[in-house]
Amino acid sequence: MDHIVTGRLIAAGALILFFVLVAGCVENGDGPVAPSALTEDQKAKAVRTALANATVQDYLHGDYEITDVDYTTITHAFRGVERSETVPTVAIETKDAQLWVFVDLETETVVAITKNYKRTPVIMPSVTQPTSTPPGGETPTVPLPTPTDTHR
C-alpha cells in the first residue's frame, strides 16, 4: 500500500514541476513582443532612411544592391548595462563589403551601421621542383637514404 501512495506522490510532484516549468516558459504579456513583419511601406521608409544617411552614402561607391529589409535584434552595452531592441535593418551589398544599416522608423534615423569587408581568398602556388637548370650544369639530385635493418 505504501508503494502506491509513494508512486502517486512522485507522479503528483512531477506534474506540479512540469506546470511550474511550463508556466515559466509561457509569456504573460509583460515581456517584449516580437514585431510582425514589415509592411512594404515600412520597408520603403527604412531603405530611404538608410540611403539618406551620410555615412552610408560614403560606403556606397559604384554599384550596390539592397539584399534584404527585415527586423533584427541589436544589443547595446553601456556601463555594464545591456539593452536589446528589435529594429528594421537594411542589408546592402557592394563590390567590397556587406552593410547592415539599423534604422528607427519613428525618428527616421540610422541607429547603427555594421560593415563586413569581402575578402578574396589567397591561392598559394603549389610547391614544385625548379624547372630550369642552374648556371653551371645539371640540377643536383639528392640521393634517398637507404633503409637499414629491414631484414631480420
N, C-alpha and C. Protein backbone atom coordinates (compact mmCIF):
# COMPACT_ATOMS: atom_id res chain seq x y z
N MET A 1 0.81 -1.19 0.00
CA MET A 1 0.00 0.00 0.00
C MET A 1 0.86 1.25 0.00
N ASP A 2 1.97 1.20 0.75
CA ASP A 2 2.85 2.36 0.83
C ASP A 2 3.47 2.69 -0.53
N HIS A 3 3.79 1.69 -1.32
CA HIS A 3 4.40 1.95 -2.62
C HIS A 3 3.41 2.61 -3.58
N ILE A 4 2.11 2.37 -3.42
CA ILE A 4 1.10 3.03 -4.27
C ILE A 4 1.02 4.50 -3.90
N VAL A 5 1.03 4.81 -2.61
CA VAL A 5 0.98 6.21 -2.16
C VAL A 5 2.24 6.94 -2.58
N THR A 6 3.37 6.30 -2.44
CA THR A 6 4.64 6.90 -2.83
C THR A 6 4.65 7.18 -4.33
N GLY A 7 4.18 6.24 -5.12
CA GLY A 7 4.11 6.43 -6.58
C GLY A 7 3.22 7.59 -6.96
N ARG A 8 2.07 7.71 -6.26
CA ARG A 8 1.15 8.82 -6.54
C ARG A 8 1.78 10.16 -6.15
N LEU A 9 2.50 10.19 -5.05
CA LEU A 9 3.17 11.42 -4.62
C LEU A 9 4.25 11.84 -5.62
N ILE A 10 5.00 10.88 -6.10
CA ILE A 10 6.04 11.17 -7.10
C ILE A 10 5.40 11.68 -8.39
N ALA A 11 4.31 11.03 -8.82
CA ALA A 11 3.62 11.47 -10.03
C ALA A 11 3.04 12.87 -9.86
N ALA A 12 2.45 13.15 -8.69
CA ALA A 12 1.88 14.48 -8.44
C ALA A 12 2.98 15.53 -8.40
N GLY A 13 4.12 15.19 -7.77
CA GLY A 13 5.26 16.11 -7.72
C GLY A 13 5.80 16.40 -9.10
N ALA A 14 5.90 15.37 -9.94
CA ALA A 14 6.39 15.55 -11.31
C ALA A 14 5.43 16.42 -12.11
N LEU A 15 4.12 16.23 -11.90
CA LEU A 15 3.13 17.02 -12.61
C LEU A 15 3.20 18.49 -12.19
N ILE A 16 3.37 18.74 -10.90
CA ILE A 16 3.49 20.12 -10.41
C ILE A 16 4.75 20.76 -10.98
N LEU A 17 5.87 20.04 -10.98
CA LEU A 17 7.12 20.56 -11.53
C LEU A 17 6.95 20.89 -13.01
N PHE A 18 6.26 20.02 -13.74
CA PHE A 18 6.01 20.27 -15.16
C PHE A 18 5.26 21.58 -15.36
N PHE A 19 4.19 21.80 -14.59
CA PHE A 19 3.39 23.02 -14.74
C PHE A 19 4.17 24.27 -14.34
N VAL A 20 5.02 24.14 -13.34
CA VAL A 20 5.86 25.28 -12.94
C VAL A 20 6.82 25.64 -14.06
N LEU A 21 7.44 24.62 -14.67
CA LEU A 21 8.38 24.87 -15.76
C LEU A 21 7.67 25.46 -16.98
N VAL A 22 6.52 24.92 -17.32
CA VAL A 22 5.77 25.43 -18.47
C VAL A 22 5.31 26.85 -18.21
N ALA A 23 4.87 27.14 -17.01
CA ALA A 23 4.41 28.50 -16.68
C ALA A 23 5.55 29.49 -16.82
N GLY A 24 6.77 29.08 -16.51
CA GLY A 24 7.91 29.97 -16.67
C GLY A 24 8.26 30.23 -18.12
N CYS A 25 7.87 29.33 -19.00
CA CYS A 25 8.17 29.48 -20.43
C CYS A 25 7.10 30.24 -21.19
N VAL A 26 5.92 30.32 -20.64
CA VAL A 26 4.81 30.99 -21.33
C VAL A 26 4.86 32.47 -21.01
N GLU A 27 4.79 33.29 -22.05
CA GLU A 27 4.84 34.73 -21.86
C GLU A 27 3.53 35.22 -21.27
N ASN A 28 3.63 36.05 -20.24
CA ASN A 28 2.42 36.51 -19.58
C ASN A 28 1.96 37.87 -20.07
N GLY A 29 2.58 38.39 -21.12
CA GLY A 29 2.16 39.67 -21.68
C GLY A 29 2.97 40.84 -21.19
N ASP A 30 3.81 40.64 -20.16
CA ASP A 30 4.62 41.73 -19.64
C ASP A 30 5.94 41.90 -20.39
N GLY A 31 6.41 40.85 -21.07
CA GLY A 31 7.71 40.89 -21.75
C GLY A 31 7.59 41.48 -23.15
N PRO A 32 8.74 41.56 -23.85
CA PRO A 32 8.73 42.11 -25.20
C PRO A 32 8.00 41.19 -26.17
N VAL A 33 7.33 41.78 -27.09
CA VAL A 33 6.59 41.02 -28.10
C VAL A 33 7.32 41.20 -29.43
N ALA A 34 7.54 40.09 -30.11
CA ALA A 34 8.22 40.17 -31.40
C ALA A 34 7.33 40.93 -32.39
N PRO A 35 7.93 41.87 -33.13
CA PRO A 35 7.12 42.65 -34.08
C PRO A 35 6.66 41.78 -35.24
N SER A 36 5.57 42.19 -35.82
CA SER A 36 5.10 41.48 -37.01
C SER A 36 6.02 41.86 -38.17
N ALA A 37 5.83 41.24 -39.29
CA ALA A 37 6.67 41.51 -40.45
C ALA A 37 6.50 42.97 -40.90
N LEU A 38 7.55 43.51 -41.49
CA LEU A 38 7.49 44.87 -42.00
C LEU A 38 6.55 44.94 -43.20
N THR A 39 5.76 46.01 -43.27
CA THR A 39 4.93 46.22 -44.45
C THR A 39 5.80 46.75 -45.57
N GLU A 40 5.27 46.76 -46.77
CA GLU A 40 6.04 47.29 -47.91
C GLU A 40 6.34 48.78 -47.71
N ASP A 41 5.40 49.53 -47.13
CA ASP A 41 5.64 50.95 -46.84
C ASP A 41 6.76 51.13 -45.82
N GLN A 42 6.77 50.29 -44.78
CA GLN A 42 7.82 50.36 -43.77
C GLN A 42 9.19 50.00 -44.37
N LYS A 43 9.20 48.99 -45.24
CA LYS A 43 10.45 48.62 -45.90
C LYS A 43 10.98 49.77 -46.75
N ALA A 44 10.08 50.41 -47.51
CA ALA A 44 10.49 51.54 -48.36
C ALA A 44 11.02 52.69 -47.51
N LYS A 45 10.37 52.96 -46.37
CA LYS A 45 10.81 54.03 -45.47
C LYS A 45 12.18 53.69 -44.87
N ALA A 46 12.39 52.43 -44.51
CA ALA A 46 13.68 52.00 -43.96
C ALA A 46 14.79 52.17 -44.99
N VAL A 47 14.52 51.80 -46.24
CA VAL A 47 15.52 51.95 -47.31
C VAL A 47 15.83 53.43 -47.55
N ARG A 48 14.79 54.27 -47.62
CA ARG A 48 15.01 55.72 -47.81
C ARG A 48 15.85 56.30 -46.67
N THR A 49 15.54 55.90 -45.45
CA THR A 49 16.28 56.40 -44.28
C THR A 49 17.74 55.95 -44.34
N ALA A 50 17.96 54.69 -44.68
CA ALA A 50 19.34 54.17 -44.76
C ALA A 50 20.13 54.88 -45.85
N LEU A 51 19.54 55.02 -47.03
CA LEU A 51 20.27 55.62 -48.15
C LEU A 51 20.49 57.12 -48.00
N ALA A 52 19.70 57.78 -47.15
CA ALA A 52 19.87 59.21 -46.93
C ALA A 52 20.98 59.51 -45.93
N ASN A 53 21.45 58.51 -45.20
CA ASN A 53 22.47 58.70 -44.18
C ASN A 53 23.83 58.99 -44.84
N ALA A 54 24.53 60.03 -44.34
CA ALA A 54 25.81 60.44 -44.93
C ALA A 54 26.88 59.36 -44.82
N THR A 55 26.93 58.65 -43.71
CA THR A 55 27.93 57.59 -43.55
C THR A 55 27.66 56.45 -44.52
N VAL A 56 26.40 56.08 -44.67
CA VAL A 56 26.05 55.02 -45.63
C VAL A 56 26.42 55.46 -47.04
N GLN A 57 26.15 56.70 -47.39
CA GLN A 57 26.49 57.22 -48.72
C GLN A 57 28.00 57.13 -48.98
N ASP A 58 28.81 57.36 -47.94
CA ASP A 58 30.27 57.24 -48.10
C ASP A 58 30.69 55.81 -48.45
N TYR A 59 29.94 54.83 -47.95
CA TYR A 59 30.27 53.43 -48.23
C TYR A 59 29.81 52.97 -49.61
N LEU A 60 28.89 53.68 -50.22
CA LEU A 60 28.30 53.23 -51.49
C LEU A 60 29.04 53.85 -52.67
N HIS A 61 30.11 53.19 -53.08
CA HIS A 61 30.86 53.61 -54.26
C HIS A 61 30.53 52.65 -55.38
N GLY A 62 30.01 53.15 -56.47
CA GLY A 62 29.66 52.28 -57.59
C GLY A 62 28.35 51.56 -57.36
N ASP A 63 28.26 50.38 -57.93
CA ASP A 63 27.02 49.61 -57.86
C ASP A 63 26.82 49.02 -56.46
N TYR A 64 25.56 48.91 -56.07
CA TYR A 64 25.19 48.26 -54.82
C TYR A 64 23.82 47.64 -55.01
N GLU A 65 23.49 46.72 -54.09
CA GLU A 65 22.20 46.04 -54.16
C GLU A 65 21.61 45.93 -52.76
N ILE A 66 20.34 46.28 -52.63
CA ILE A 66 19.62 46.07 -51.37
C ILE A 66 19.23 44.59 -51.37
N THR A 67 19.81 43.81 -50.46
CA THR A 67 19.57 42.37 -50.48
C THR A 67 18.47 41.92 -49.53
N ASP A 68 18.16 42.75 -48.50
CA ASP A 68 17.12 42.35 -47.56
C ASP A 68 16.71 43.54 -46.71
N VAL A 69 15.45 43.55 -46.30
CA VAL A 69 14.94 44.53 -45.34
C VAL A 69 14.04 43.75 -44.39
N ASP A 70 14.45 43.68 -43.13
CA ASP A 70 13.70 42.90 -42.15
C ASP A 70 14.08 43.36 -40.75
N TYR A 71 13.39 42.83 -39.75
CA TYR A 71 13.73 43.14 -38.36
C TYR A 71 14.96 42.37 -37.92
N THR A 72 15.80 43.02 -37.11
CA THR A 72 16.95 42.39 -36.48
C THR A 72 17.04 42.92 -35.05
N THR A 73 17.44 42.06 -34.14
CA THR A 73 17.62 42.49 -32.76
C THR A 73 19.08 42.87 -32.55
N ILE A 74 19.29 44.08 -32.04
CA ILE A 74 20.64 44.52 -31.72
C ILE A 74 20.73 44.77 -30.22
N THR A 75 21.92 44.61 -29.68
CA THR A 75 22.14 44.81 -28.26
C THR A 75 23.19 45.89 -28.07
N HIS A 76 22.86 46.85 -27.22
CA HIS A 76 23.79 47.92 -26.86
C HIS A 76 24.27 47.65 -25.44
N ALA A 77 25.56 47.84 -25.20
CA ALA A 77 26.09 47.71 -23.85
C ALA A 77 26.74 49.03 -23.47
N PHE A 78 26.34 49.59 -22.33
CA PHE A 78 26.90 50.85 -21.86
C PHE A 78 26.99 50.81 -20.35
N ARG A 79 28.21 50.98 -19.84
CA ARG A 79 28.46 50.98 -18.41
C ARG A 79 27.90 49.74 -17.71
N GLY A 80 28.13 48.59 -18.34
CA GLY A 80 27.71 47.34 -17.74
C GLY A 80 26.24 46.99 -17.87
N VAL A 81 25.48 47.83 -18.58
CA VAL A 81 24.07 47.57 -18.76
C VAL A 81 23.81 47.26 -20.23
N GLU A 82 23.18 46.12 -20.48
CA GLU A 82 22.83 45.74 -21.85
C GLU A 82 21.37 46.06 -22.11
N ARG A 83 21.11 46.55 -23.32
CA ARG A 83 19.75 46.85 -23.73
C ARG A 83 19.57 46.32 -25.15
N SER A 84 18.56 45.53 -25.37
CA SER A 84 18.29 44.97 -26.69
C SER A 84 17.04 45.61 -27.28
N GLU A 85 17.07 45.80 -28.58
CA GLU A 85 15.89 46.30 -29.26
C GLU A 85 15.83 45.68 -30.66
N THR A 86 14.63 45.51 -31.14
CA THR A 86 14.42 44.96 -32.46
C THR A 86 14.06 46.11 -33.39
N VAL A 87 14.89 46.27 -34.44
CA VAL A 87 14.72 47.40 -35.35
C VAL A 87 14.77 46.92 -36.79
N PRO A 88 14.17 47.69 -37.71
CA PRO A 88 14.31 47.35 -39.12
C PRO A 88 15.77 47.46 -39.55
N THR A 89 16.19 46.54 -40.38
CA THR A 89 17.58 46.50 -40.84
C THR A 89 17.59 46.38 -42.35
N VAL A 90 18.40 47.24 -42.98
CA VAL A 90 18.56 47.22 -44.43
C VAL A 90 19.92 46.61 -44.74
N ALA A 91 19.92 45.49 -45.46
CA ALA A 91 21.16 44.84 -45.87
C ALA A 91 21.52 45.31 -47.27
N ILE A 92 22.74 45.83 -47.41
CA ILE A 92 23.21 46.37 -48.68
C ILE A 92 24.51 45.68 -49.05
N GLU A 93 24.60 45.21 -50.27
CA GLU A 93 25.81 44.56 -50.74
C GLU A 93 26.49 45.45 -51.77
N THR A 94 27.77 45.72 -51.56
CA THR A 94 28.57 46.47 -52.52
C THR A 94 29.64 45.53 -53.08
N LYS A 95 30.46 46.07 -53.95
CA LYS A 95 31.53 45.25 -54.53
C LYS A 95 32.50 44.77 -53.45
N ASP A 96 32.78 45.63 -52.47
CA ASP A 96 33.80 45.34 -51.47
C ASP A 96 33.28 44.91 -50.10
N ALA A 97 31.98 45.15 -49.82
CA ALA A 97 31.52 44.92 -48.45
C ALA A 97 30.03 44.60 -48.40
N GLN A 98 29.64 44.11 -47.24
CA GLN A 98 28.23 43.89 -46.90
C GLN A 98 27.91 44.85 -45.76
N LEU A 99 26.87 45.67 -45.91
CA LEU A 99 26.46 46.62 -44.88
C LEU A 99 25.14 46.18 -44.28
N TRP A 100 24.99 46.40 -42.98
CA TRP A 100 23.72 46.25 -42.31
C TRP A 100 23.44 47.59 -41.65
N VAL A 101 22.36 48.24 -42.08
CA VAL A 101 22.00 49.55 -41.58
C VAL A 101 20.75 49.40 -40.72
N PHE A 102 20.88 49.70 -39.43
CA PHE A 102 19.80 49.57 -38.46
C PHE A 102 19.12 50.93 -38.33
N VAL A 103 17.81 50.97 -38.56
CA VAL A 103 17.10 52.25 -38.58
C VAL A 103 15.97 52.30 -37.55
N ASP A 104 15.64 53.53 -37.17
CA ASP A 104 14.49 53.81 -36.31
C ASP A 104 13.45 54.46 -37.21
N LEU A 105 12.35 53.76 -37.45
CA LEU A 105 11.34 54.27 -38.38
C LEU A 105 10.61 55.50 -37.83
N GLU A 106 10.42 55.57 -36.52
CA GLU A 106 9.69 56.69 -35.93
C GLU A 106 10.45 58.00 -36.11
N THR A 107 11.75 57.98 -35.85
CA THR A 107 12.54 59.21 -35.97
C THR A 107 13.22 59.34 -37.32
N GLU A 108 13.10 58.29 -38.14
CA GLU A 108 13.74 58.23 -39.46
C GLU A 108 15.23 58.52 -39.38
N THR A 109 15.88 57.80 -38.45
CA THR A 109 17.32 57.94 -38.27
C THR A 109 18.00 56.57 -38.31
N VAL A 110 19.30 56.59 -38.58
CA VAL A 110 20.11 55.37 -38.54
C VAL A 110 20.65 55.25 -37.12
N VAL A 111 20.42 54.10 -36.48
CA VAL A 111 20.88 53.92 -35.10
C VAL A 111 22.22 53.19 -35.03
N ALA A 112 22.56 52.44 -36.07
CA ALA A 112 23.84 51.73 -36.10
C ALA A 112 24.12 51.24 -37.51
N ILE A 113 25.40 51.05 -37.81
CA ILE A 113 25.83 50.51 -39.11
C ILE A 113 26.89 49.46 -38.83
N THR A 114 26.77 48.32 -39.48
CA THR A 114 27.79 47.28 -39.40
C THR A 114 28.30 47.04 -40.80
N LYS A 115 29.62 46.97 -40.94
CA LYS A 115 30.23 46.75 -42.26
C LYS A 115 31.15 45.55 -42.18
N ASN A 116 30.99 44.64 -43.11
CA ASN A 116 31.81 43.44 -43.21
C ASN A 116 32.49 43.45 -44.57
N TYR A 117 33.81 43.54 -44.60
CA TYR A 117 34.52 43.55 -45.87
C TYR A 117 34.52 42.17 -46.49
N LYS A 118 34.39 42.13 -47.80
CA LYS A 118 34.51 40.86 -48.53
C LYS A 118 35.99 40.64 -48.78
N ARG A 119 36.42 39.42 -48.62
CA ARG A 119 37.83 39.12 -48.85
C ARG A 119 37.94 38.01 -49.86
N THR A 120 38.85 38.21 -50.80
CA THR A 120 39.12 37.19 -51.79
C THR A 120 40.18 36.26 -51.22
N PRO A 121 39.92 34.97 -51.21
CA PRO A 121 40.93 34.07 -50.64
C PRO A 121 42.22 34.10 -51.44
N VAL A 122 43.34 34.01 -50.75
CA VAL A 122 44.64 33.97 -51.40
C VAL A 122 44.92 32.53 -51.79
N ILE A 123 45.26 32.32 -53.04
CA ILE A 123 45.57 30.98 -53.52
C ILE A 123 47.09 30.91 -53.68
N MET A 124 47.69 30.08 -52.87
CA MET A 124 49.14 29.94 -52.90
C MET A 124 49.54 29.00 -54.04
N PRO A 125 50.62 29.34 -54.74
CA PRO A 125 51.07 28.43 -55.80
C PRO A 125 51.57 27.13 -55.18
N SER A 126 51.42 26.05 -55.93
CA SER A 126 51.87 24.77 -55.41
C SER A 126 53.40 24.75 -55.38
N VAL A 127 53.94 23.98 -54.46
CA VAL A 127 55.38 23.86 -54.33
C VAL A 127 55.85 22.81 -55.33
N THR A 128 56.75 23.23 -56.22
CA THR A 128 57.26 22.30 -57.23
C THR A 128 58.78 22.40 -57.28
N GLN A 129 59.39 21.45 -57.92
CA GLN A 129 60.83 21.47 -58.13
C GLN A 129 61.15 22.51 -59.19
N PRO A 130 62.34 23.11 -59.12
CA PRO A 130 62.69 24.08 -60.16
C PRO A 130 62.72 23.41 -61.52
N THR A 131 62.23 24.14 -62.52
CA THR A 131 62.16 23.56 -63.87
C THR A 131 63.34 23.99 -64.73
N SER A 132 64.10 24.94 -64.27
CA SER A 132 65.25 25.38 -65.08
C SER A 132 66.54 24.80 -64.52
N THR A 133 67.55 24.71 -65.36
CA THR A 133 68.86 24.21 -64.96
C THR A 133 69.66 25.37 -64.38
N PRO A 134 70.23 25.20 -63.21
CA PRO A 134 71.00 26.29 -62.65
C PRO A 134 72.27 26.53 -63.47
N PRO A 135 72.81 27.74 -63.37
CA PRO A 135 74.04 28.02 -64.14
C PRO A 135 75.14 27.04 -63.75
N GLY A 136 75.85 26.54 -64.74
CA GLY A 136 76.99 25.68 -64.48
C GLY A 136 76.70 24.20 -64.54
N GLY A 137 75.50 23.81 -64.92
CA GLY A 137 75.31 22.37 -65.05
C GLY A 137 73.91 21.91 -64.75
N GLU A 138 73.83 20.62 -64.51
CA GLU A 138 72.54 19.99 -64.28
C GLU A 138 72.05 20.26 -62.86
N THR A 139 70.77 20.07 -62.70
CA THR A 139 70.17 20.21 -61.38
C THR A 139 70.68 19.08 -60.51
N PRO A 140 71.23 19.42 -59.33
CA PRO A 140 71.74 18.34 -58.47
C PRO A 140 70.60 17.46 -57.99
N THR A 141 70.91 16.18 -57.88
CA THR A 141 69.92 15.26 -57.32
C THR A 141 70.33 14.91 -55.91
N VAL A 142 69.36 14.68 -55.08
CA VAL A 142 69.63 14.32 -53.70
C VAL A 142 69.32 12.85 -53.56
N PRO A 143 70.33 12.04 -53.18
CA PRO A 143 70.06 10.60 -53.04
C PRO A 143 69.15 10.33 -51.86
N LEU A 144 68.27 9.37 -52.03
CA LEU A 144 67.38 8.96 -50.95
C LEU A 144 68.15 8.05 -50.00
N PRO A 145 67.92 8.16 -48.71
CA PRO A 145 68.62 7.27 -47.77
C PRO A 145 68.18 5.82 -47.97
N THR A 146 69.14 4.93 -47.82
CA THR A 146 68.83 3.51 -47.95
C THR A 146 68.34 3.00 -46.60
N PRO A 147 67.16 2.33 -46.60
CA PRO A 147 66.67 1.83 -45.32
C PRO A 147 67.60 0.78 -44.75
N THR A 148 67.79 0.81 -43.46
CA THR A 148 68.64 -0.18 -42.80
C THR A 148 67.77 -1.04 -41.88
N ASP A 149 68.31 -2.13 -41.51
CA ASP A 149 67.64 -3.07 -40.59
C ASP A 149 66.27 -3.49 -41.10
N THR A 150 66.18 -3.79 -42.40
CA THR A 150 64.90 -4.24 -42.93
C THR A 150 64.82 -5.74 -43.02
N HIS A 151 65.99 -6.44 -42.83
CA HIS A 151 66.00 -7.89 -42.93
C HIS A 151 66.28 -8.48 -41.57
N ARG A 152 65.35 -8.96 -40.91
CA ARG A 152 65.54 -9.57 -39.60
C ARG A 152 64.96 -10.92 -39.56
